[in-house]
Amino acid sequence: MQNKEIEIWMLLRKVLAVAQRIAEEDLRKYDSTPSQFGILLNLAEENLLPMSELSKQAACVNSNITSIITRMEAKGLVQRNQDQRDRRIVKVELTPKGKELLEDTLPVHYKFIKDLLDFYTEEELEQLYKLLSKFYENVS
């Protein structure tokens, strides 16, 4: 690997670490985490998702998603239901309390994103989007 490739990789890691830290600080005020926030977003879009699908969307192993969902369920944010046709499948849905938390945290998250990207021009944002999309396609 060439030095430029290593520098790019290290820079990506730094950017993600800083963004993760800021997101954690913002969400801590709501007794939430970036992982929980992502799950709330996914459930808001789909309403009812199998645990296996949540695990894929969160890009984590099933045991991690199970512990995250267990904590969220204890807080009353989500509810687990067994699939009526296949009892092996457990689906997760948002509760009213989970929807309320999402409504409270979405503006905070949008501000976080805006603050991170506000100094880019439209052209730079478009270029960044294209490059990151291409990068994602290659790694997934």
C-alpha atoms as a PDB file:
ATOM      1  CA  MET A   1       0.000   0.000   0.000  1.00  0.00           C
ATOM      2  CA  GLN A   2       1.248   3.463  -0.800  1.00  0.00           C
ATOM      3  CA  ASN A   3       1.591   6.228   1.768  1.00  0.00           C
ATOM      4  CA  LYS A   4      -1.308   8.245   0.300  1.00  0.00           C
ATOM      5  CA  GLU A   5      -3.657   5.277   0.724  1.00  0.00           C
ATOM      6  CA  ILE A   6      -2.593   4.850   4.342  1.00  0.00           C
ATOM      7  CA  GLU A   7      -3.009   8.582   4.972  1.00  0.00           C
ATOM      8  CA  ILE A   8      -6.527   8.498   3.505  1.00  0.00           C
ATOM      9  CA  TRP A   9      -7.452   5.474   5.619  1.00  0.00           C
ATOM     10  CA  MET A  10      -6.106   7.086   8.790  1.00  0.00           C
ATOM     11  CA  LEU A  11      -7.929  10.322   8.009  1.00  0.00           C
ATOM     12  CA  LEU A  12     -11.209   8.430   7.494  1.00  0.00           C
ATOM     13  CA  ARG A  13     -10.734   6.739  10.864  1.00  0.00           C
ATOM     14  CA  LYS A  14     -10.066  10.101  12.556  1.00  0.00           C
ATOM     15  CA  VAL A  15     -13.115  11.730  10.971  1.00  0.00           C
ATOM     16  CA  LEU A  16     -15.349   8.824  11.993  1.00  0.00           C
ATOM     17  CA  ALA A  17     -13.959   8.824  15.543  1.00  0.00           C
ATOM     18  CA  VAL A  18     -14.600  12.554  15.983  1.00  0.00           C
ATOM     19  CA  ALA A  19     -18.096  12.312  14.483  1.00  0.00           C
ATOM     20  CA  GLN A  20     -18.870   9.303  16.701  1.00  0.00           C
ATOM     21  CA  ARG A  21     -17.664  11.150  19.813  1.00  0.00           C
ATOM     22  CA  ILE A  22     -19.791  14.220  19.046  1.00  0.00           C
ATOM     23  CA  ALA A  23     -22.846  12.075  18.296  1.00  0.00           C
ATOM     24  CA  GLU A  24     -22.348  10.174  21.563  1.00  0.00           C
ATOM     25  CA  GLU A  25     -22.127  13.441  23.521  1.00  0.00           C
ATOM     26  CA  ASP A  26     -25.271  14.820  21.868  1.00  0.00           C
ATOM     27  CA  LEU A  27     -27.289  11.642  22.421  1.00  0.00           C
ATOM     28  CA  ARG A  28     -26.056  11.076  25.983  1.00  0.00           C
ATOM     29  CA  LYS A  29     -28.253  14.028  27.005  1.00  0.00           C
ATOM     30  CA  TYR A  30     -31.229  11.871  25.973  1.00  0.00           C
ATOM     31  CA  ASP A  31     -29.886   8.689  27.620  1.00  0.00           C
ATOM     32  CA  SER A  32     -29.309   7.257  24.147  1.00  0.00           C
ATOM     33  CA  THR A  33     -26.435   6.148  21.918  1.00  0.00           C
ATOM     34  CA  PRO A  34     -25.670   6.373  18.186  1.00  0.00           C
ATOM     35  CA  SER A  35     -26.488   2.653  17.844  1.00  0.00           C
ATOM     36  CA  GLN A  36     -29.855   3.114  19.522  1.00  0.00           C
ATOM     37  CA  PHE A  37     -30.555   6.204  17.438  1.00  0.00           C
ATOM     38  CA  GLY A  38     -29.800   4.263  14.234  1.00  0.00           C
ATOM     39  CA  ILE A  39     -32.169   1.494  15.283  1.00  0.00           C
ATOM     40  CA  LEU A  40     -34.902   4.031  16.058  1.00  0.00           C
ATOM     41  CA  LEU A  41     -34.423   5.525  12.580  1.00  0.00           C
ATOM     42  CA  ASN A  42     -34.585   2.112  10.897  1.00  0.00           C
ATOM     43  CA  LEU A  43     -37.721   1.168  12.807  1.00  0.00           C
ATOM     44  CA  ALA A  44     -39.359   4.510  12.034  1.00  0.00           C
ATOM     45  CA  GLU A  45     -38.881   3.793   8.324  1.00  0.00           C
ATOM     46  CA  GLU A  46     -39.981   0.136   8.382  1.00  0.00           C
ATOM     47  CA  ASN A  47     -42.107   0.032  11.564  1.00  0.00           C
ATOM     48  CA  LEU A  48     -41.525  -3.695  12.215  1.00  0.00           C
ATOM     49  CA  LEU A  49     -38.200  -5.391  11.461  1.00  0.00           C
ATOM     50  CA  PRO A  50     -36.732  -8.805  12.226  1.00  0.00           C
ATOM     51  CA  MET A  51     -33.732  -8.764  14.561  1.00  0.00           C
ATOM     52  CA  SER A  52     -31.582 -10.209  11.755  1.00  0.00           C
ATOM     53  CA  GLU A  53     -32.448  -7.272   9.480  1.00  0.00           C
ATOM     54  CA  LEU A  54     -31.701  -4.753  12.228  1.00  0.00           C
ATOM     55  CA  SER A  55     -28.349  -6.453  12.704  1.00  0.00           C
ATOM     56  CA  LYS A  56     -27.554  -6.094   8.987  1.00  0.00           C
ATOM     57  CA  GLN A  57     -28.620  -2.457   8.882  1.00  0.00           C
ATOM     58  CA  ALA A  58     -26.612  -1.644  12.002  1.00  0.00           C
ATOM     59  CA  ALA A  59     -23.611  -3.560  10.619  1.00  0.00           C
ATOM     60  CA  CYS A  60     -23.114  -5.501  13.834  1.00  0.00           C
ATOM     61  CA  VAL A  61     -23.293  -9.117  14.944  1.00  0.00           C
ATOM     62  CA  ASN A  62     -26.531 -10.626  16.222  1.00  0.00           C
ATOM     63  CA  SER A  63     -25.312 -10.825  19.837  1.00  0.00           C
ATOM     64  CA  ASN A  64     -24.601  -7.077  19.863  1.00  0.00           C
ATOM     65  CA  ILE A  65     -27.983  -6.183  18.380  1.00  0.00           C
ATOM     66  CA  THR A  66     -29.659  -8.428  20.959  1.00  0.00           C
ATOM     67  CA  SER A  67     -28.017  -6.581  23.857  1.00  0.00           C
ATOM     68  CA  ILE A  68     -28.815  -3.173  22.330  1.00  0.00           C
ATOM     69  CA  ILE A  69     -32.470  -4.163  21.810  1.00  0.00           C
ATOM     70  CA  THR A  70     -32.624  -5.558  25.365  1.00  0.00           C
ATOM     71  CA  ARG A  71     -31.471  -2.193  26.768  1.00  0.00           C
ATOM     72  CA  MET A  72     -33.892  -0.309  24.519  1.00  0.00           C
ATOM     73  CA  GLU A  73     -36.740  -2.605  25.535  1.00  0.00           C
ATOM     74  CA  ALA A  74     -35.927  -2.028  29.232  1.00  0.00           C
ATOM     75  CA  LYS A  75     -36.255   1.727  28.580  1.00  0.00           C
ATOM     76  CA  GLY A  76     -39.604   1.168  26.872  1.00  0.00           C
ATOM     77  CA  LEU A  77     -38.352   2.366  23.459  1.00  0.00           C
ATOM     78  CA  VAL A  78     -39.001  -0.828  21.500  1.00  0.00           C
ATOM     79  CA  GLN A  79     -40.992  -4.008  21.809  1.00  0.00           C
ATOM     80  CA  ARG A  80     -40.126  -7.508  20.587  1.00  0.00           C
ATOM     81  CA  ASN A  81     -42.759  -9.713  18.983  1.00  0.00           C
ATOM     82  CA  GLN A  82     -42.515 -13.261  17.696  1.00  0.00           C
ATOM     83  CA  ASP A  83     -43.502 -13.710  14.076  1.00  0.00           C
ATOM     84  CA  GLN A  84     -46.876 -15.459  13.905  1.00  0.00           C
ATOM     85  CA  ARG A  85     -45.907 -17.597  10.889  1.00  0.00           C
ATOM     86  CA  ASP A  86     -42.368 -18.469  11.979  1.00  0.00           C
ATOM     87  CA  ARG A  87     -41.834 -18.521  15.748  1.00  0.00           C
ATOM     88  CA  ARG A  88     -38.042 -18.502  15.268  1.00  0.00           C
ATOM     89  CA  ILE A  89     -38.218 -14.939  13.937  1.00  0.00           C
ATOM     90  CA  VAL A  90     -38.354 -12.089  16.430  1.00  0.00           C
ATOM     91  CA  LYS A  91     -39.489  -8.726  15.114  1.00  0.00           C
ATOM     92  CA  VAL A  92     -38.928  -5.369  16.773  1.00  0.00           C
ATOM     93  CA  GLU A  93     -41.180  -2.330  16.676  1.00  0.00           C
ATOM     94  CA  LEU A  94     -41.082   1.193  18.047  1.00  0.00           C
ATOM     95  CA  THR A  95     -43.191   2.061  21.054  1.00  0.00           C
ATOM     96  CA  PRO A  96     -44.779   5.500  21.502  1.00  0.00           C
ATOM     97  CA  LYS A  97     -41.902   6.334  23.881  1.00  0.00           C
ATOM     98  CA  GLY A  98     -39.395   5.322  21.180  1.00  0.00           C
ATOM     99  CA  LYS A  99     -41.169   7.527  18.634  1.00  0.00           C
ATOM    100  CA  GLU A 100     -41.100  10.415  21.102  1.00  0.00           C
ATOM    101  CA  LEU A 101     -37.361   9.986  21.701  1.00  0.00           C
ATOM    102  CA  LEU A 102     -36.747   9.936  17.958  1.00  0.00           C
ATOM    103  CA  GLU A 103     -38.783  13.126  17.520  1.00  0.00           C
ATOM    104  CA  ASP A 104     -36.713  14.764  20.289  1.00  0.00           C
ATOM    105  CA  THR A 105     -33.334  13.646  18.939  1.00  0.00           C
ATOM    106  CA  LEU A 106     -33.859  14.104  15.186  1.00  0.00           C
ATOM    107  CA  PRO A 107     -33.433  17.907  15.283  1.00  0.00           C
ATOM    108  CA  VAL A 108     -30.253  17.463  17.349  1.00  0.00           C
ATOM    109  CA  HIS A 109     -28.926  14.937  14.838  1.00  0.00           C
ATOM    110  CA  TYR A 110     -29.812  17.122  11.847  1.00  0.00           C
ATOM    111  CA  LYS A 111     -28.011  20.065  13.455  1.00  0.00           C
ATOM    112  CA  PHE A 112     -24.992  17.834  14.075  1.00  0.00           C
ATOM    113  CA  ILE A 113     -24.913  16.846  10.384  1.00  0.00           C
ATOM    114  CA  LYS A 114     -25.429  20.432   9.234  1.00  0.00           C
ATOM    115  CA  ASP A 115     -22.610  21.675  11.475  1.00  0.00           C
ATOM    116  CA  LEU A 116     -20.271  18.990  10.116  1.00  0.00           C
ATOM    117  CA  LEU A 117     -20.974  19.764   6.463  1.00  0.00           C
ATOM    118  CA  ASP A 118     -22.007  23.413   6.476  1.00  0.00           C
ATOM    119  CA  PHE A 119     -18.677  24.797   5.290  1.00  0.00           C
ATOM    120  CA  TYR A 120     -18.694  22.789   2.037  1.00  0.00           C
ATOM    121  CA  THR A 121     -19.996  24.270  -1.206  1.00  0.00           C
ATOM    122  CA  GLU A 122     -22.745  22.427  -3.097  1.00  0.00           C
ATOM    123  CA  GLU A 123     -20.167  21.237  -5.626  1.00  0.00           C
ATOM    124  CA  GLU A 124     -17.890  19.915  -2.883  1.00  0.00           C
ATOM    125  CA  LEU A 125     -20.800  18.125  -1.225  1.00  0.00           C
ATOM    126  CA  GLU A 126     -21.725  16.509  -4.534  1.00  0.00           C
ATOM    127  CA  GLN A 127     -18.129  15.408  -5.091  1.00  0.00           C
ATOM    128  CA  LEU A 128     -17.854  14.079  -1.530  1.00  0.00           C
ATOM    129  CA  TYR A 129     -21.105  12.165  -1.987  1.00  0.00           C
ATOM    130  CA  LYS A 130     -19.896  10.578  -5.225  1.00  0.00           C
ATOM    131  CA  LEU A 131     -16.535   9.589  -3.749  1.00  0.00           C
ATOM    132  CA  LEU A 132     -18.025   8.125  -0.580  1.00  0.00           C
ATOM    133  CA  SER A 133     -20.686   6.272  -2.593  1.00  0.00           C
ATOM    134  CA  LYS A 134     -17.994   4.752  -4.778  1.00  0.00           C
ATOM    135  CA  PHE A 135     -15.974   3.833  -1.687  1.00  0.00           C
ATOM    136  CA  TYR A 136     -19.030   2.203  -0.087  1.00  0.00           C
ATOM    137  CA  GLU A 137     -19.808   0.195  -3.228  1.00  0.00           C
ATOM    138  CA  ASN A 138     -16.260  -1.177  -3.224  1.00  0.00           C
ATOM    139  CA  VAL A 139     -16.307  -2.262   0.407  1.00  0.00           C
ATOM    140  CA  SER A 140     -19.807  -3.719   0.552  1.00  0.00           C
END
